[in-house]
Amino acid sequence: MVNQTISYTLVLSGLSDLPSLQLPLFLVFLLVYLMTLTGNLLIVLLICTDSHLQTPMYFFLGTLACLDMGYSSVTIPRMLFDFHTQKRLISIQACITQLYFIMVFVVSECSLLAVMSYDRYVAICHPLHYTQIMHWKACVLLVLGVLIFSVVYPLVHVLLLLKLTFCISTPLQGFFCDLPQLLLVSCSDTFINVLLLFILGILIAGGIFALTFCPYIIILNTIMKMSKAMRSKAFSTCSSHLTVVFIFYGIAFFSYFHPNTKDHSAVDKVASVFYAVLTPLVNPLIYSLRNKIIQISLKKAVRRLLHI
């Protein structure tokens, strides 16, 4: 058996090894991070200050904006640090900690998108009972349930990771710590970890995926029975959410389920950038561009600022 040296520090491959690109990449991702925080924070502030936006739909949207800010804050600051130092070294403990919070925010967003689908289902298919079903207590309990589940579930994988040892090997292919990548550089037996990841991934991800898309089958069936004017209004309330869902799941499936996962080409890194960095940036843009109520609220807020 070949002797392997146990390592307490891992190396992230990053986006590029060229020293000349580190400063431009630092500036680009710093700009992306600031835009992400600004866009999502703006949505949260609009929802908190405009009484017209204080409804269950926008409560969930504000929660999604908070999750997007948290998600981007777990990945991008670490990227900026690595661009600045050009070392890309990370301790095992820091790597597992980052992985835990990434999983928390990813599971939270997936679960919240399913809750938002249910909200749209009730609003369109049962409009007369909407306020009775989606009252504030129910909305808060749904969000609390999402957060509790999202905090607890990653602990299963993290506790198993803590039992593994890691060896000096090839760098982690990417700019953040990812569970499949960590398992690849472990010199322990990872069969249980991989099996659990596979089984729970299918059960939980499949369940959340079904809860997200199944309501839209009923929604579309209901919309097709409406008048043209009502149909247009119903589609407008769903289009933003559907766009975000397709982008989120589309990039996620490409990142994790395309062939040759060990052959990390430039395409893989681009997909990771879209998944971990650009999705939180794009979400507020989609909702602000497609939602007339948010546009009106934003214009009112700008007018108030200009008159100060």
Protein backbone atom coordinates (compact mmCIF):
# COMPACT_ATOMS: atom_id res chain seq x y z
CA MET A 1 0.00 0.00 0.00
CA VAL A 2 1.40 3.42 -0.95
CA ASN A 3 2.08 5.71 1.99
CA GLN A 4 0.04 8.91 1.87
CA THR A 5 0.74 12.06 3.82
CA ILE A 6 -2.23 13.37 5.75
CA SER A 7 -2.94 16.99 4.90
CA TYR A 8 -4.65 19.61 7.05
CA THR A 9 -4.65 22.18 4.26
CA LEU A 10 -6.25 21.97 0.83
CA VAL A 11 -5.57 23.92 -2.34
CA LEU A 12 -8.33 25.40 -4.50
CA SER A 13 -7.53 25.46 -8.20
CA GLY A 14 -9.38 28.75 -8.69
CA LEU A 15 -10.47 30.16 -12.02
CA SER A 16 -7.04 30.90 -13.45
CA ASP A 17 -3.36 30.41 -12.57
CA LEU A 18 -2.18 33.41 -14.60
CA PRO A 19 -0.88 36.15 -12.24
CA SER A 20 -1.82 38.84 -14.75
CA LEU A 21 -5.51 37.87 -14.48
CA GLN A 22 -5.79 37.95 -10.69
CA LEU A 23 -6.37 41.72 -10.39
CA PRO A 24 -8.91 41.92 -13.25
CA LEU A 25 -10.77 38.91 -11.82
CA PHE A 26 -10.68 40.48 -8.36
CA LEU A 27 -12.24 43.70 -9.67
CA VAL A 28 -14.88 41.89 -11.76
CA PHE A 29 -16.06 39.67 -8.90
CA LEU A 30 -15.92 42.53 -6.41
CA LEU A 31 -18.27 44.46 -8.73
CA VAL A 32 -20.53 41.40 -9.07
CA TYR A 33 -20.63 40.98 -5.29
CA LEU A 34 -21.50 44.63 -4.67
CA MET A 35 -24.21 44.51 -7.35
CA THR A 36 -25.63 41.31 -5.81
CA LEU A 37 -25.81 42.84 -2.34
CA THR A 38 -27.25 46.10 -3.69
CA GLY A 39 -29.94 44.44 -5.83
CA ASN A 40 -31.12 42.01 -3.19
CA LEU A 41 -30.94 44.55 -0.37
CA LEU A 42 -32.99 46.97 -2.48
CA ILE A 43 -35.73 44.35 -2.89
CA VAL A 44 -35.76 43.68 0.87
CA LEU A 45 -35.98 47.41 1.65
CA LEU A 46 -38.78 47.96 -0.88
CA ILE A 47 -40.79 45.08 0.58
CA CYS A 48 -40.28 46.35 4.14
CA THR A 49 -41.19 49.97 3.37
CA ASP A 50 -43.99 49.66 0.79
CA SER A 51 -47.33 48.50 2.19
CA HIS A 52 -48.41 47.28 -1.28
CA LEU A 53 -45.57 44.74 -1.19
CA GLN A 54 -46.35 43.35 2.27
CA THR A 55 -48.11 40.23 1.02
CA PRO A 56 -47.15 36.53 1.26
CA MET A 57 -45.73 36.52 -2.29
CA TYR A 58 -43.33 39.38 -1.55
CA PHE A 59 -42.55 38.04 1.91
CA PHE A 60 -41.18 34.91 0.23
CA LEU A 61 -39.40 37.05 -2.37
CA GLY A 62 -37.74 39.07 0.40
CA THR A 63 -36.66 35.85 2.08
CA LEU A 64 -35.19 34.64 -1.23
CA ALA A 65 -33.28 37.92 -1.53
CA CYS A 66 -31.82 37.42 1.97
CA LEU A 67 -30.77 33.88 1.06
CA ASP A 68 -29.13 35.14 -2.14
CA MET A 69 -27.11 37.67 -0.14
CA GLY A 70 -26.03 34.94 2.27
CA TYR A 71 -25.17 32.50 -0.51
CA SER A 72 -23.00 34.99 -2.38
CA SER A 73 -21.31 36.03 0.89
CA VAL A 74 -20.19 32.44 1.50
CA THR A 75 -18.43 32.08 -1.87
CA ILE A 76 -17.37 35.45 -3.30
CA PRO A 77 -15.38 36.95 -0.35
CA ARG A 78 -13.27 33.77 -0.29
CA MET A 79 -12.69 34.14 -4.04
CA LEU A 80 -11.61 37.76 -3.58
CA PHE A 81 -9.21 36.73 -0.82
CA ASP A 82 -7.66 34.08 -3.07
CA PHE A 83 -7.33 36.52 -5.98
CA HIS A 84 -5.55 38.94 -3.64
CA THR A 85 -3.15 36.46 -1.98
CA GLN A 86 -2.77 34.19 -5.06
CA LYS A 87 -2.18 31.25 -2.69
CA ARG A 88 -5.64 29.61 -2.67
CA LEU A 89 -4.86 27.60 0.48
CA ILE A 90 -7.72 26.65 2.80
CA SER A 91 -7.72 24.56 5.97
CA ILE A 92 -9.86 21.44 6.23
CA GLN A 93 -11.96 23.05 8.97
CA ALA A 94 -12.54 26.22 6.93
CA CYS A 95 -13.35 24.17 3.84
CA ILE A 96 -15.94 22.04 5.66
CA THR A 97 -17.41 25.16 7.27
CA GLN A 98 -17.77 26.83 3.88
CA LEU A 99 -19.28 23.64 2.45
CA TYR A 100 -21.82 23.52 5.30
CA PHE A 101 -23.05 27.06 4.72
CA ILE A 102 -23.15 26.58 0.95
CA MET A 103 -25.36 23.52 1.45
CA VAL A 104 -27.55 25.44 3.92
CA PHE A 105 -28.22 28.23 1.43
CA VAL A 106 -28.64 25.92 -1.58
CA VAL A 107 -31.14 23.67 0.24
CA SER A 108 -32.90 26.77 1.60
CA GLU A 109 -33.30 28.26 -1.87
CA CYS A 110 -34.54 24.98 -3.37
CA SER A 111 -37.06 24.52 -0.56
CA LEU A 112 -38.19 28.15 -0.69
CA LEU A 113 -38.76 27.94 -4.45
CA ALA A 114 -41.07 24.98 -3.73
CA VAL A 115 -42.94 27.03 -1.12
CA MET A 116 -43.26 29.89 -3.62
CA SER A 117 -44.73 27.45 -6.15
CA TYR A 118 -47.35 26.42 -3.59
CA ASP A 119 -48.10 30.10 -2.92
CA ARG A 120 -48.71 30.70 -6.65
CA TYR A 121 -50.87 27.56 -6.79
CA VAL A 122 -53.12 28.80 -3.99
CA ALA A 123 -53.28 32.33 -5.45
CA ILE A 124 -54.33 31.17 -8.93
CA CYS A 125 -56.29 27.98 -8.26
CA HIS A 126 -57.97 29.02 -4.98
CA PRO A 127 -58.06 32.85 -5.08
CA LEU A 128 -61.15 33.16 -2.86
CA HIS A 129 -59.45 31.21 -0.05
CA TYR A 130 -55.96 32.67 -0.55
CA THR A 131 -55.97 34.93 2.52
CA GLN A 132 -57.35 32.11 4.68
CA ILE A 133 -54.73 29.58 3.55
CA MET A 134 -51.67 31.83 3.14
CA HIS A 135 -52.10 33.90 6.30
CA TRP A 136 -49.04 35.41 7.96
CA LYS A 137 -48.69 32.69 10.58
CA ALA A 138 -48.66 30.02 7.85
CA CYS A 139 -46.07 31.99 5.83
CA VAL A 140 -43.76 32.42 8.82
CA LEU A 141 -44.09 28.74 9.76
CA LEU A 142 -43.31 27.69 6.17
CA VAL A 143 -40.15 29.82 6.12
CA LEU A 144 -39.11 28.60 9.57
CA GLY A 145 -39.63 25.01 8.44
CA VAL A 146 -37.47 25.64 5.37
CA LEU A 147 -34.68 27.19 7.47
CA ILE A 148 -34.72 24.47 10.15
CA PHE A 149 -34.61 21.71 7.53
CA SER A 150 -31.83 23.50 5.64
CA VAL A 151 -29.72 23.88 8.78
CA VAL A 152 -30.17 20.27 9.93
CA TYR A 153 -29.83 18.34 6.65
CA PRO A 154 -26.23 19.39 5.78
CA LEU A 155 -25.10 18.30 9.27
CA VAL A 156 -25.56 14.68 8.16
CA HIS A 157 -22.89 15.09 5.47
CA VAL A 158 -20.65 17.35 7.57
CA LEU A 159 -20.53 14.94 10.53
CA LEU A 160 -19.51 12.12 8.19
CA LEU A 161 -16.90 14.36 6.55
CA LEU A 162 -15.30 15.07 9.93
CA LYS A 163 -14.47 11.37 10.27
CA LEU A 164 -12.46 11.34 7.02
CA THR A 165 -8.77 12.06 6.57
CA PHE A 166 -7.50 14.06 3.61
CA CYS A 167 -4.26 13.54 1.75
CA ILE A 168 -1.90 15.70 -0.25
CA SER A 169 -3.33 15.30 -3.71
CA THR A 170 -4.46 17.31 -6.67
CA PRO A 171 -6.13 20.66 -5.87
CA LEU A 172 -9.87 20.93 -5.40
CA GLN A 173 -11.13 21.76 -8.86
CA GLY A 174 -12.98 25.00 -8.36
CA PHE A 175 -13.02 28.21 -6.35
CA PHE A 176 -15.10 26.96 -3.41
CA CYS A 177 -15.39 23.77 -1.37
CA ASP A 178 -17.86 21.30 -2.82
CA LEU A 179 -18.86 17.94 -1.33
CA PRO A 180 -18.02 15.74 -4.37
CA GLN A 181 -14.62 17.44 -4.66
CA LEU A 182 -13.82 16.89 -0.99
CA LEU A 183 -14.68 13.21 -1.27
CA LEU A 184 -12.32 12.88 -4.24
CA VAL A 185 -9.29 14.10 -2.24
CA SER A 186 -9.99 11.96 0.83
CA CYS A 187 -7.70 9.00 1.52
CA SER A 188 -10.36 7.33 3.68
CA ASP A 189 -13.08 4.99 2.51
CA THR A 190 -15.86 7.28 1.25
CA PHE A 191 -18.36 4.58 0.28
CA ILE A 192 -20.86 5.55 3.02
CA ASN A 193 -20.51 9.24 2.17
CA VAL A 194 -21.10 8.67 -1.54
CA LEU A 195 -23.99 6.26 -0.91
CA LEU A 196 -25.68 8.69 1.49
CA LEU A 197 -25.13 11.59 -0.90
CA PHE A 198 -26.67 9.58 -3.72
CA ILE A 199 -29.69 8.26 -1.78
CA LEU A 200 -30.52 11.49 0.07
CA GLY A 201 -29.82 13.49 -3.08
CA ILE A 202 -32.39 11.51 -5.04
CA LEU A 203 -34.99 11.47 -2.25
CA ILE A 204 -34.69 15.05 -1.04
CA ALA A 205 -33.74 16.81 -4.28
CA GLY A 206 -36.32 14.75 -6.19
CA GLY A 207 -38.98 15.54 -3.60
CA ILE A 208 -38.27 19.27 -3.62
CA PHE A 209 -38.13 19.25 -7.43
CA ALA A 210 -41.55 17.57 -7.59
CA LEU A 211 -43.03 19.99 -5.04
CA THR A 212 -41.72 22.88 -7.12
CA PHE A 213 -42.98 21.79 -10.54
CA CYS A 214 -46.12 19.73 -9.81
CA PRO A 215 -48.18 22.78 -8.73
CA TYR A 216 -47.47 24.36 -12.11
CA ILE A 217 -49.18 21.49 -13.90
CA ILE A 218 -52.38 22.37 -12.04
CA ILE A 219 -51.70 26.11 -12.44
CA LEU A 220 -51.31 25.84 -16.22
CA ASN A 221 -54.47 23.76 -16.46
CA THR A 222 -56.36 26.42 -14.47
CA ILE A 223 -54.89 29.32 -16.47
CA MET A 224 -55.94 27.79 -19.79
CA LYS A 225 -59.57 27.88 -18.61
CA MET A 226 -59.41 31.62 -17.83
CA SER A 227 -60.35 34.56 -20.03
CA LYS A 228 -57.59 36.19 -22.07
CA ALA A 229 -57.23 39.16 -19.70
CA MET A 230 -57.14 36.98 -16.57
CA ARG A 231 -54.78 34.56 -18.29
CA SER A 232 -52.28 37.33 -19.04
CA LYS A 233 -52.39 38.56 -15.43
CA ALA A 234 -51.95 35.03 -14.07
CA PHE A 235 -48.99 34.34 -16.35
CA SER A 236 -47.33 37.59 -15.28
CA THR A 237 -47.45 36.54 -11.61
CA CYS A 238 -45.80 33.19 -12.40
CA SER A 239 -43.28 34.11 -15.09
CA SER A 240 -40.64 35.61 -12.77
CA HIS A 241 -40.74 32.66 -10.39
CA LEU A 242 -40.64 30.12 -13.21
CA THR A 243 -37.68 31.90 -14.81
CA VAL A 244 -35.73 31.82 -11.54
CA VAL A 245 -36.62 28.14 -11.02
CA PHE A 246 -35.48 27.12 -14.51
CA ILE A 247 -32.21 29.05 -14.21
CA PHE A 248 -31.47 27.63 -10.74
CA TYR A 249 -32.24 24.01 -11.58
CA GLY A 250 -30.85 24.20 -15.12
CA ILE A 251 -27.41 25.35 -14.00
CA ALA A 252 -27.45 23.00 -10.99
CA PHE A 253 -28.22 19.94 -13.13
CA PHE A 254 -25.54 20.89 -15.64
CA SER A 255 -22.97 21.43 -12.88
CA TYR A 256 -23.56 18.12 -11.12
CA PHE A 257 -24.99 15.67 -13.64
CA HIS A 258 -23.09 16.19 -16.89
CA PRO A 259 -20.68 13.42 -17.99
CA ASN A 260 -16.97 13.23 -17.09
CA THR A 261 -17.17 14.91 -13.70
CA LYS A 262 -13.46 14.28 -13.16
CA ASP A 263 -12.51 16.18 -16.29
CA HIS A 264 -12.85 19.73 -15.06
CA SER A 265 -12.65 21.85 -18.15
CA ALA A 266 -13.21 25.58 -18.50
CA VAL A 267 -16.89 24.84 -19.14
CA ASP A 268 -17.21 23.30 -15.66
CA LYS A 269 -15.71 26.39 -14.05
CA VAL A 270 -17.99 28.69 -16.03
CA ALA A 271 -20.97 26.62 -14.87
CA SER A 272 -19.77 26.96 -11.27
CA VAL A 273 -19.53 30.73 -11.67
CA PHE A 274 -23.10 30.88 -12.96
CA TYR A 275 -24.35 28.57 -10.22
CA ALA A 276 -22.59 30.10 -7.21
CA VAL A 277 -22.00 33.71 -8.25
CA LEU A 278 -24.32 34.92 -10.99
CA THR A 279 -27.59 33.28 -9.88
CA PRO A 280 -27.87 35.49 -6.75
CA LEU A 281 -27.15 38.50 -8.98
CA VAL A 282 -29.69 37.58 -11.66
CA ASN A 283 -32.62 36.81 -9.33
CA PRO A 284 -33.38 40.41 -8.27
CA LEU A 285 -32.96 41.58 -11.87
CA ILE A 286 -35.52 39.05 -13.08
CA TYR A 287 -38.07 40.02 -10.44
CA SER A 288 -37.56 43.77 -10.89
CA LEU A 289 -37.70 43.63 -14.69
CA ARG A 290 -40.77 41.39 -14.87
CA ASN A 291 -42.76 42.67 -11.90
CA LYS A 292 -44.69 45.90 -12.49
CA ILE A 293 -45.55 46.35 -8.80
CA ILE A 294 -41.86 46.29 -7.83
CA GLN A 295 -41.08 48.70 -10.68
CA ILE A 296 -43.75 51.11 -9.44
CA SER A 297 -42.49 50.78 -5.86
CA LEU A 298 -38.92 51.44 -7.01
CA LYS A 299 -39.98 54.56 -8.94
CA LYS A 300 -41.82 55.86 -5.87
CA ALA A 301 -38.76 55.25 -3.70
CA VAL A 302 -36.52 57.09 -6.19
CA ARG A 303 -38.94 60.05 -6.28
CA ARG A 304 -38.94 60.21 -2.46
CA LEU A 305 -35.15 60.21 -2.40
CA LEU A 306 -34.94 62.96 -5.02
CA HIS A 307 -37.31 65.18 -3.02
CA ILE A 308 -35.27 64.83 0.17
